[in-house]
Amino acid sequence: MARLLLILPTATYRAPDFLDAAAQVGAEVVVASERPQVLAETMQDRFLEIDLRRPDTAADAIVALSRRRRIDGIVAVDDQGVLAAALAAGRLDLPHNPRDAVMATRDKVAMRDDLAAAAVRQPRYASVAVDEDVGEVAGAVGFPCVIKPPSLSASRGVIRVDDAAGAKLAGDRVRGILAEAGEDPSRLLVEAYVPGPEVALEGLLRGGAFETLAVFDKPDPLEGPYFEETIFVTPSRLPEAAVAAVERTAAEACAAIGLVEGPVHAELRTDGTDAWLIEVAARSIGGLCSRALSFGVGVSLERLIVSHALGTPIEGLARERQAAGVMMLPIPAEGRLAAVGGQDQARQVPGVTGLDVSIAPGRRVRPLPEGDRYLGFLFAKAETPEEVEATLRQAHGMLEVRVVEDEEGDG
């Protein structure tokens, strides 16, 4: 039986889907995480505690475990584990991405530099050191522009500004978000704002060959000042030429960075003819969004990723014929979540295939740009992307989210 090591941060949404995928391919699972799981004592060599903040040390621990009993594939399900996974896979002679390539996906300044060196189409940009004036740098890049952290994901800490005064305020705010997240607040990234529709691309790299799995439209305008994502719908309704430009630019970006193996998630903007690379990550789409995707006869994205990691990729599988989509449920206000009403009514809307409210009542919630998670995920399928979008909006309208003022910290 093949042994698969899954790097599962304790805060991930995605553990059940990857565990199910491993079971479907008949693989034994070893879980690596930064804190012991509930059943860690009974799992023995099927659980490994690692420090995700020290990727080299984490990779050493994975290699040591594999010496006792061979590990045949490694998958990091979220950003925190991608570098440790790449390092360990390299030392075990498993398919992997180079260290520098993975590090570039975790540092947006390094990523921008790699893309610039390869002349990949992207926004104008500049990095800002702690002793530099954010307003002056932003002015040199040109307004409107976007202030963002070099790390973090899911639009956390990303703020559009229209003048130097706004840039200075945003810079202070983003540095605070970085410090709160335990990240280095000394550097910021300033990017020119690129107008036009934004799309997400899901891809898979095999020996450097890039394959598009899905392109998602984001029908809600993402114009700022914050960039809270909501609806993703596939297939894209963009003209064929625009989709081709998106796929081409994503592939060029992966090559420029040096990514060669495994899942890729990219965000791009397009004017209908050309595409600009906003971000690329060496992992699959976040949250529970992958549940909107199905390939062949009910094959999940996680199963494709697991199969690839174990060296048994499933060939010739296209995304299912039906249109599909997901809505990341936004958090309307900061405070304590009291209740989410209307869930039964939302589930009964024709075309809805699932609703998962992932934050329990009583927990503290914060919207972007400080927040680091969504309220939950709503899924739909239909014959056309237009019907999927309409279904998601109708079902979301059934939900009644009540957030109350939070006067006490979580106890």
Protein backbone atom coordinates (compact mmCIF):
# COMPACT_ATOMS: atom_id res chain seq x y z
CA MET A 1 0.00 0.00 0.00
CA ALA A 2 1.30 3.46 -0.93
CA ARG A 3 1.96 5.86 1.96
CA LEU A 4 0.97 9.50 1.53
CA LEU A 5 2.09 12.25 3.89
CA LEU A 6 -0.39 15.12 4.15
CA ILE A 7 0.81 18.36 5.72
CA LEU A 8 -2.38 19.53 7.42
CA PRO A 9 -2.19 22.76 9.46
CA THR A 10 -4.65 22.56 12.33
CA ALA A 11 -6.57 25.58 11.00
CA THR A 12 -7.13 24.13 7.53
CA TYR A 13 -10.62 23.59 6.15
CA ARG A 14 -9.41 20.86 3.85
CA ALA A 15 -8.44 17.83 5.92
CA PRO A 16 -11.62 15.75 5.30
CA ASP A 17 -11.50 16.15 1.51
CA PHE A 18 -7.84 15.11 1.25
CA LEU A 19 -8.32 12.20 3.64
CA ASP A 20 -11.29 11.03 1.55
CA ALA A 21 -9.19 11.31 -1.63
CA ALA A 22 -6.41 9.22 -0.10
CA ALA A 23 -8.93 6.57 0.92
CA GLN A 24 -10.34 6.50 -2.62
CA VAL A 25 -6.92 5.67 -4.10
CA GLY A 26 -6.16 3.15 -1.37
CA ALA A 27 -3.28 5.04 0.22
CA GLU A 28 -2.28 4.91 3.87
CA VAL A 29 -2.13 8.44 5.27
CA VAL A 30 0.50 9.98 7.50
CA VAL A 31 -0.59 13.33 8.94
CA ALA A 32 2.01 16.02 9.63
CA SER A 33 0.83 19.07 11.57
CA GLU A 34 2.12 21.78 13.89
CA ARG A 35 0.06 20.47 16.82
CA PRO A 36 -0.89 16.92 17.84
CA GLN A 37 -4.21 15.68 16.49
CA VAL A 38 -6.85 14.18 18.77
CA LEU A 39 -5.86 10.63 17.79
CA ALA A 40 -2.10 11.27 17.51
CA GLU A 41 -1.18 8.82 20.29
CA THR A 42 -2.96 5.95 18.54
CA MET A 43 -1.61 6.87 15.08
CA GLN A 44 2.06 6.21 16.01
CA ASP A 45 4.10 6.51 12.77
CA ARG A 46 1.03 7.87 10.99
CA PHE A 47 1.31 11.21 12.81
CA LEU A 48 4.23 13.62 12.82
CA GLU A 49 4.43 16.90 14.70
CA ILE A 50 6.42 19.48 12.72
CA ASP A 51 7.24 23.17 13.03
CA LEU A 52 5.78 24.83 9.93
CA ARG A 53 7.75 28.01 10.71
CA ARG A 54 11.01 26.05 10.24
CA PRO A 55 10.65 24.27 6.88
CA ASP A 56 14.15 22.76 6.88
CA THR A 57 13.64 21.21 10.31
CA ALA A 58 10.19 19.99 9.28
CA ALA A 59 11.66 18.39 6.16
CA ASP A 60 14.33 16.67 8.27
CA ALA A 61 11.61 15.16 10.47
CA ILE A 62 9.69 13.91 7.41
CA VAL A 63 12.83 12.32 5.96
CA ALA A 64 13.61 10.63 9.28
CA LEU A 65 10.09 9.22 9.41
CA SER A 66 10.40 7.93 5.85
CA ARG A 67 13.61 6.09 6.75
CA ARG A 68 11.62 4.02 9.23
CA ARG A 69 8.87 3.34 6.73
CA ARG A 70 8.91 4.68 3.19
CA ILE A 71 6.73 7.65 2.27
CA ASP A 72 5.67 7.55 -1.39
CA GLY A 73 4.17 11.02 -1.84
CA ILE A 74 3.83 14.35 -0.02
CA VAL A 75 1.05 16.92 -0.34
CA ALA A 76 0.85 20.27 1.45
CA VAL A 77 -2.77 21.34 1.48
CA ASP A 78 -2.18 25.01 2.38
CA ASP A 79 0.50 27.67 1.93
CA GLN A 80 2.11 27.07 5.32
CA GLY A 81 3.36 23.64 4.34
CA VAL A 82 4.43 24.02 0.71
CA LEU A 83 8.10 24.74 1.39
CA ALA A 84 8.52 21.90 3.89
CA ALA A 85 6.80 19.56 1.41
CA ALA A 86 9.10 20.59 -1.44
CA LEU A 87 12.25 20.22 0.66
CA ALA A 88 11.27 16.82 2.02
CA ALA A 89 10.17 15.52 -1.38
CA GLY A 90 13.47 16.62 -2.89
CA ARG A 91 15.48 14.79 -0.23
CA LEU A 92 13.37 11.66 -0.76
CA ASP A 93 13.74 11.83 -4.56
CA LEU A 94 10.01 12.40 -5.06
CA PRO A 95 8.54 14.83 -7.63
CA HIS A 96 8.86 18.33 -6.20
CA ASN A 97 9.23 22.02 -6.89
CA PRO A 98 12.62 23.70 -6.40
CA ARG A 99 13.13 25.51 -3.11
CA ASP A 100 13.56 28.94 -4.70
CA ALA A 101 10.41 28.53 -6.79
CA VAL A 102 8.29 27.70 -3.75
CA MET A 103 9.84 30.52 -1.75
CA ALA A 104 8.91 32.95 -4.54
CA THR A 105 5.25 31.94 -4.25
CA ARG A 106 5.45 32.74 -0.51
CA ASP A 107 7.09 36.15 -1.07
CA LYS A 108 5.21 38.36 -3.51
CA VAL A 109 8.16 40.71 -3.97
CA ALA A 110 10.39 37.82 -5.05
CA MET A 111 7.61 36.55 -7.29
CA ARG A 112 7.27 39.96 -8.96
CA ASP A 113 11.04 40.11 -9.52
CA ASP A 114 11.05 36.66 -11.16
CA LEU A 115 8.14 37.59 -13.41
CA ALA A 116 9.78 40.88 -14.37
CA ALA A 117 13.02 39.10 -15.30
CA ALA A 118 11.03 36.83 -17.65
CA ALA A 119 8.90 39.70 -19.03
CA VAL A 120 5.65 38.09 -17.88
CA ARG A 121 2.77 40.57 -18.05
CA GLN A 122 2.01 41.88 -14.54
CA PRO A 123 1.21 45.15 -12.74
CA ARG A 124 3.88 47.79 -12.20
CA TYR A 125 5.21 47.33 -8.69
CA ALA A 126 7.69 48.43 -6.03
CA SER A 127 8.64 47.15 -2.62
CA VAL A 128 8.65 49.49 0.38
CA ALA A 129 11.18 49.19 3.21
CA VAL A 130 10.29 50.19 6.74
CA ASP A 131 12.26 53.46 6.46
CA GLU A 132 10.68 54.52 3.14
CA ASP A 133 7.68 56.76 2.60
CA VAL A 134 4.79 54.59 1.38
CA GLY A 135 3.04 57.59 -0.14
CA GLU A 136 6.07 58.54 -2.23
CA VAL A 137 6.61 54.99 -3.48
CA ALA A 138 2.93 54.62 -4.30
CA GLY A 139 3.02 57.91 -6.20
CA ALA A 140 5.95 56.68 -8.27
CA VAL A 141 4.07 53.46 -9.11
CA GLY A 142 0.99 55.54 -9.97
CA PHE A 143 -2.52 55.92 -8.55
CA PRO A 144 -4.76 54.08 -8.11
CA CYS A 145 -2.59 51.36 -6.66
CA VAL A 146 -2.80 48.49 -4.20
CA ILE A 147 -0.89 48.16 -0.94
CA LYS A 148 -0.44 44.54 0.12
CA PRO A 149 1.68 42.32 2.34
CA PRO A 150 4.42 40.28 0.66
CA SER A 151 2.99 37.24 2.44
CA LEU A 152 -0.55 36.23 3.53
CA SER A 153 -3.32 35.03 1.23
CA ALA A 154 -7.08 35.21 0.55
CA SER A 155 -6.90 39.02 0.07
CA ARG A 156 -5.93 39.58 3.70
CA GLY A 157 -4.27 42.97 4.10
CA VAL A 158 -4.85 44.03 0.49
CA ILE A 159 -6.04 47.65 0.19
CA ARG A 160 -6.58 49.91 -2.82
CA VAL A 161 -5.56 53.57 -2.42
CA ASP A 162 -6.10 56.60 -4.63
CA ASP A 163 -3.65 59.14 -3.21
CA ALA A 164 -0.50 59.50 -1.09
CA ALA A 165 -2.38 60.18 2.14
CA GLY A 166 -4.44 57.04 1.67
CA ALA A 167 -1.28 55.06 0.91
CA LYS A 168 0.34 56.10 4.18
CA LEU A 169 -2.73 55.11 6.19
CA ALA A 170 -3.01 51.83 4.34
CA GLY A 171 0.69 51.12 4.85
CA ASP A 172 0.33 51.48 8.62
CA ARG A 173 -2.74 49.26 8.58
CA VAL A 174 -1.09 46.53 6.50
CA ARG A 175 1.97 46.53 8.76
CA GLY A 176 -0.34 46.02 11.73
CA ILE A 177 -2.04 43.09 10.00
CA LEU A 178 1.34 41.52 9.24
CA ALA A 179 2.50 41.89 12.84
CA GLU A 180 -0.72 40.37 14.13
CA ALA A 181 -0.26 37.41 11.78
CA GLY A 182 3.27 36.84 13.07
CA GLU A 183 4.82 37.94 9.77
CA ASP A 184 7.61 40.44 9.11
CA PRO A 185 6.03 43.92 8.89
CA SER A 186 9.17 45.65 7.61
CA ARG A 187 8.37 45.29 3.89
CA LEU A 188 5.28 46.11 1.87
CA LEU A 189 4.40 45.65 -1.79
CA VAL A 190 2.85 48.40 -3.91
CA GLU A 191 1.20 47.35 -7.18
CA ALA A 192 -0.54 49.37 -9.85
CA TYR A 193 -4.26 48.69 -9.82
CA VAL A 194 -5.24 46.70 -12.91
CA PRO A 195 -8.86 47.33 -13.97
CA GLY A 196 -11.04 44.69 -15.57
CA PRO A 197 -12.51 41.31 -14.69
CA GLU A 198 -10.58 39.04 -12.37
CA VAL A 199 -10.41 35.27 -12.82
CA ALA A 200 -8.96 32.34 -10.92
CA LEU A 201 -7.20 29.47 -12.63
CA GLU A 202 -6.68 25.98 -11.28
CA GLY A 203 -3.86 24.04 -12.88
CA LEU A 204 -1.61 21.02 -12.52
CA LEU A 205 2.09 20.76 -13.40
CA ARG A 206 3.61 17.43 -14.38
CA GLY A 207 7.31 17.47 -15.13
CA GLY A 208 7.06 21.14 -16.08
CA ALA A 209 4.09 20.65 -18.42
CA PHE A 210 1.21 22.96 -17.47
CA GLU A 211 -2.39 21.76 -17.68
CA THR A 212 -5.41 23.97 -17.02
CA LEU A 213 -8.06 22.23 -14.94
CA ALA A 214 -10.57 25.09 -14.59
CA VAL A 215 -10.94 28.84 -15.06
CA PHE A 216 -13.33 30.60 -12.69
CA ASP A 217 -15.04 33.92 -13.37
CA LYS A 218 -15.49 36.28 -10.43
CA PRO A 219 -18.67 38.11 -11.41
CA ASP A 220 -18.69 40.52 -8.45
CA PRO A 221 -16.49 43.55 -9.23
CA LEU A 222 -13.25 43.57 -7.24
CA GLU A 223 -12.46 47.27 -7.32
CA GLY A 224 -11.55 47.95 -3.68
CA PRO A 225 -10.83 49.45 -1.30
CA TYR A 226 -10.80 45.82 -0.08
CA PHE A 227 -10.89 42.72 -2.23
CA GLU A 228 -13.27 40.30 -0.56
CA GLU A 229 -13.91 37.46 -2.98
CA THR A 230 -17.40 36.03 -3.15
CA ILE A 231 -18.65 34.14 -6.21
CA PHE A 232 -16.52 31.85 -8.40
CA VAL A 233 -18.20 30.28 -11.46
CA THR A 234 -16.79 27.87 -14.05
CA PRO A 235 -16.58 27.57 -17.01
CA SER A 236 -15.55 31.12 -17.73
CA ARG A 237 -17.86 33.32 -19.80
CA LEU A 238 -14.95 35.34 -21.13
CA PRO A 239 -14.20 35.26 -24.88
CA GLU A 240 -12.01 32.37 -25.98
CA ALA A 241 -9.14 34.74 -26.71
CA ALA A 242 -9.26 36.10 -23.15
CA VAL A 243 -9.30 32.61 -21.62
CA ALA A 244 -6.38 31.61 -23.84
CA ALA A 245 -4.44 34.69 -22.64
CA VAL A 246 -5.19 33.78 -19.01
CA GLU A 247 -3.94 30.22 -19.50
CA ARG A 248 -0.87 31.36 -21.42
CA THR A 249 0.11 33.97 -18.83
CA ALA A 250 -0.38 31.53 -15.94
CA ALA A 251 1.84 28.97 -17.67
CA GLU A 252 4.49 31.61 -18.39
CA ALA A 253 4.40 32.70 -14.74
CA CYS A 254 4.95 29.16 -13.48
CA ALA A 255 7.89 28.74 -15.84
CA ALA A 256 9.38 32.09 -14.82
CA ILE A 257 9.17 31.23 -11.13
CA GLY A 258 10.44 27.70 -11.72
CA LEU A 259 7.44 25.65 -10.64
CA VAL A 260 7.42 22.21 -12.25
CA GLU A 261 5.25 19.82 -10.17
CA GLY A 262 1.86 19.68 -8.54
CA PRO A 263 -1.16 21.93 -8.16
CA VAL A 264 -1.18 25.61 -9.04
CA HIS A 265 -3.70 28.30 -8.14
CA ALA A 266 -3.41 31.63 -9.98
CA GLU A 267 -5.28 34.92 -9.94
CA LEU A 268 -5.25 37.11 -13.04
CA ARG A 269 -6.96 40.16 -14.53
CA THR A 270 -7.88 40.59 -18.18
CA ASP A 271 -9.01 43.34 -20.52
CA GLY A 272 -10.54 40.77 -22.86
CA THR A 273 -7.39 40.41 -24.93
CA ASP A 274 -4.39 40.30 -22.59
CA ALA A 275 -3.98 38.99 -19.05
CA TRP A 276 -1.96 40.28 -16.08
CA LEU A 277 -0.67 37.90 -13.42
CA ILE A 278 -1.79 39.02 -9.96
CA GLU A 279 -0.67 36.03 -7.87
CA VAL A 280 0.31 32.39 -8.22
CA ALA A 281 0.51 29.77 -5.47
CA ALA A 282 2.07 26.31 -5.42
CA ARG A 283 -1.09 24.70 -4.02
CA SER A 284 -4.69 24.22 -5.00
CA ILE A 285 -7.61 26.59 -4.42
CA GLY A 286 -8.22 27.45 -0.77
CA GLY A 287 -11.03 26.93 1.68
CA LEU A 288 -13.67 24.47 0.56
CA CYS A 289 -13.87 25.98 -2.93
CA SER A 290 -12.51 22.83 -4.58
CA ARG A 291 -15.84 21.12 -3.88
CA ALA A 292 -17.20 23.06 -6.86
CA LEU A 293 -14.94 21.01 -9.13
CA SER A 294 -15.47 17.49 -10.40
CA PHE A 295 -13.61 15.66 -13.16
CA GLY A 296 -14.57 12.65 -15.22
CA VAL A 297 -17.10 10.63 -13.27
CA GLY A 298 -17.11 12.29 -9.87
CA VAL A 299 -13.33 12.59 -9.39
CA SER A 300 -12.44 15.40 -6.97
CA LEU A 301 -9.59 17.87 -7.35
CA GLU A 302 -8.04 16.39 -4.22
CA ARG A 303 -8.01 12.95 -5.79
CA LEU A 304 -6.18 14.30 -8.84
CA ILE A 305 -3.59 15.93 -6.57
CA VAL A 306 -3.13 12.83 -4.43
CA SER A 307 -2.82 10.60 -7.49
CA HIS A 308 -0.19 12.90 -8.99
CA ALA A 309 1.80 12.97 -5.74
CA LEU A 310 1.84 9.17 -5.64
CA GLY A 311 2.95 8.93 -9.26
CA THR A 312 -0.34 7.56 -10.58
CA PRO A 313 -2.03 10.56 -12.26
CA ILE A 314 -5.46 10.00 -13.74
CA GLU A 315 -5.24 10.70 -17.45
CA GLY A 316 -7.78 12.16 -19.83
CA LEU A 317 -10.19 13.61 -17.29
CA ALA A 318 -11.91 16.84 -18.23
CA ARG A 319 -14.03 18.91 -15.87
CA GLU A 320 -17.66 17.79 -15.75
CA ARG A 321 -20.03 19.22 -18.38
CA GLN A 322 -22.28 21.11 -15.95
CA ALA A 323 -21.44 24.62 -14.89
CA ALA A 324 -20.55 24.93 -11.22
CA GLY A 325 -19.77 27.58 -8.69
CA VAL A 326 -19.05 28.46 -5.10
CA MET A 327 -19.80 31.52 -3.01
CA MET A 328 -17.48 32.36 -0.15
CA LEU A 329 -19.89 33.80 2.37
CA PRO A 330 -18.72 37.25 3.45
CA ILE A 331 -18.58 38.38 7.06
CA PRO A 332 -20.73 41.53 7.28
CA ALA A 333 -19.24 43.11 10.42
CA GLU A 334 -16.74 42.63 13.22
CA GLY A 335 -18.05 41.13 16.42
CA ARG A 336 -19.35 37.81 17.65
CA LEU A 337 -21.36 35.56 15.37
CA ALA A 338 -24.77 35.09 16.95
CA ALA A 339 -26.51 33.00 14.30
CA VAL A 340 -26.86 32.25 10.61
CA GLY A 341 -30.56 31.90 9.88
CA GLY A 342 -32.23 30.70 6.71
CA GLN A 343 -29.86 27.80 6.07
CA ASP A 344 -32.62 25.29 5.38
CA GLN A 345 -34.28 27.67 2.92
CA ALA A 346 -30.97 28.30 1.15
CA ARG A 347 -30.34 24.56 0.77
CA GLN A 348 -33.77 24.12 -0.81
CA VAL A 349 -33.09 26.56 -3.66
CA PRO A 350 -33.01 24.46 -6.87
CA GLY A 351 -29.45 23.97 -8.03
CA VAL A 352 -27.84 24.35 -4.61
CA THR A 353 -25.57 21.37 -3.97
CA GLY A 354 -24.18 22.28 -0.58
CA LEU A 355 -23.88 24.83 2.21
CA ASP A 356 -21.18 24.71 4.86
CA VAL A 357 -21.13 27.40 7.56
CA SER A 358 -17.63 26.92 8.89
CA ILE A 359 -17.68 29.34 11.86
CA ALA A 360 -19.64 28.24 14.91
CA PRO A 361 -22.04 30.63 16.66
CA GLY A 362 -20.35 32.42 19.49
CA ARG A 363 -17.02 32.82 17.75
CA ARG A 364 -15.47 36.20 17.04
CA VAL A 365 -15.49 37.25 13.37
CA ARG A 366 -13.80 40.02 11.38
CA PRO A 367 -14.24 41.04 7.75
CA LEU A 368 -11.34 41.77 5.43
CA PRO A 369 -8.77 43.19 5.32
CA GLU A 370 -7.99 42.14 8.92
CA GLY A 371 -10.03 38.93 8.81
CA ASP A 372 -8.46 35.64 7.79
CA ARG A 373 -11.46 33.48 6.95
CA TYR A 374 -14.92 33.45 5.43
CA LEU A 375 -18.19 32.65 7.13
CA GLY A 376 -18.65 29.55 5.01
CA PHE A 377 -19.19 28.20 1.52
CA LEU A 378 -22.26 27.82 -0.70
CA PHE A 379 -22.22 25.56 -3.78
CA ALA A 380 -24.39 25.27 -6.88
CA LYS A 381 -24.54 23.50 -10.25
CA ALA A 382 -26.65 24.15 -13.33
CA GLU A 383 -26.59 23.95 -17.11
CA THR A 384 -25.06 27.40 -17.59
CA PRO A 385 -22.76 29.72 -15.63
CA GLU A 386 -25.52 32.34 -15.62
CA GLU A 387 -27.86 29.93 -13.86
CA VAL A 388 -25.20 29.02 -11.33
CA GLU A 389 -24.56 32.66 -10.48
CA ALA A 390 -28.30 33.36 -10.14
CA THR A 391 -28.74 30.32 -7.87
CA LEU A 392 -25.90 31.37 -5.60
CA ARG A 393 -27.26 34.90 -5.28
CA GLN A 394 -30.77 33.65 -4.56
CA ALA A 395 -29.62 31.19 -1.91
CA HIS A 396 -27.34 33.76 -0.29
CA GLY A 397 -30.29 36.11 -0.08
CA MET A 398 -32.05 33.54 2.11
CA LEU A 399 -29.35 33.68 4.76
CA GLU A 400 -29.71 35.98 7.75
CA VAL A 401 -26.30 36.57 9.33
CA ARG A 402 -26.43 38.16 12.76
CA VAL A 403 -23.24 39.54 14.27
CA VAL A 404 -23.41 41.20 17.67
CA GLU A 405 -21.00 43.65 19.26
CA ASP A 406 -18.13 41.78 20.83
CA GLU A 407 -17.41 43.24 24.26
CA GLU A 408 -15.41 40.30 25.58
CA GLY A 409 -12.61 38.22 24.12
CA ASP A 410 -13.03 34.58 23.26
CA GLY A 411 -13.09 32.55 26.43
